[in-house]
Amino acid sequence: MIIKTRVFGEIEAEEDKILEFPNGIIGFPDMRKFTILFDSEKGNNCGIKWLQSLDEPEFALPVMDPLLVKEDYNPVVEDELIGSIGTLDDESLFVLVAVNVPSDLSHMSVNLQAPMIINLETRKGCQIIIENEGCPIKYLIYDILQKKKVEK
C-alpha cells in the first residue's frame, strides 16, 4: 500500500507491517489502520518513532517505548481491556506511549497513563487508560534522553 503522508512524503506500508486498532486511538476513534515509521539510519531501536495513520495520511503521532525513559514502567492492566487484541505473552507484547514535543524541548513528555498495547502476533492494538499511581499523563523525558545520549 502506497500512501502520501504529510511528514514523510510518499511511503510504502507493507501488509505485514500494518497494525489494526479496532477501536481507534483516544481522540481518533475512526483511525484504525497504522504503521510504525522510524529513522532507518538509526534502526528500530531509535527513541522516537511515528505511529502513522493509513486512514488519514495527514496524521502521524510521535511514540516511543516507555522503557527507554522509565525502566520500571509496568502498569497493571485488566485482561478485559486488552482481550480484543488476542492473547499476549512476552514475545508478542509491544507497548508504545505518545510523545508530546512542545516548542520548548525541555518540556518534552510521554503519556504513561494511556499506553498503546500491541499484539505483534495478531498485529492488533488498543489504547487504554491506566489508573495506577506512577503513570502520569505528562512524564518529563528531556533530561532522561539527554543523559542517555551522554552515556552513549
Foldseek 3Di string as FASTA:
>chain_A
DWDAAPPPGIDDQDPLQKAFACQAAVPCRPQGIWGKADDPVVNPQDAWIWTATPVDRHDIFIKGQVCLQPVPLDADDDCVQWVVQDDDDPVQWGKIWTWDQDPPNQQIFTQQQWIWIAGSVSSYIYTDGTPDPPGHGGDGRSVVVVVVVVVD
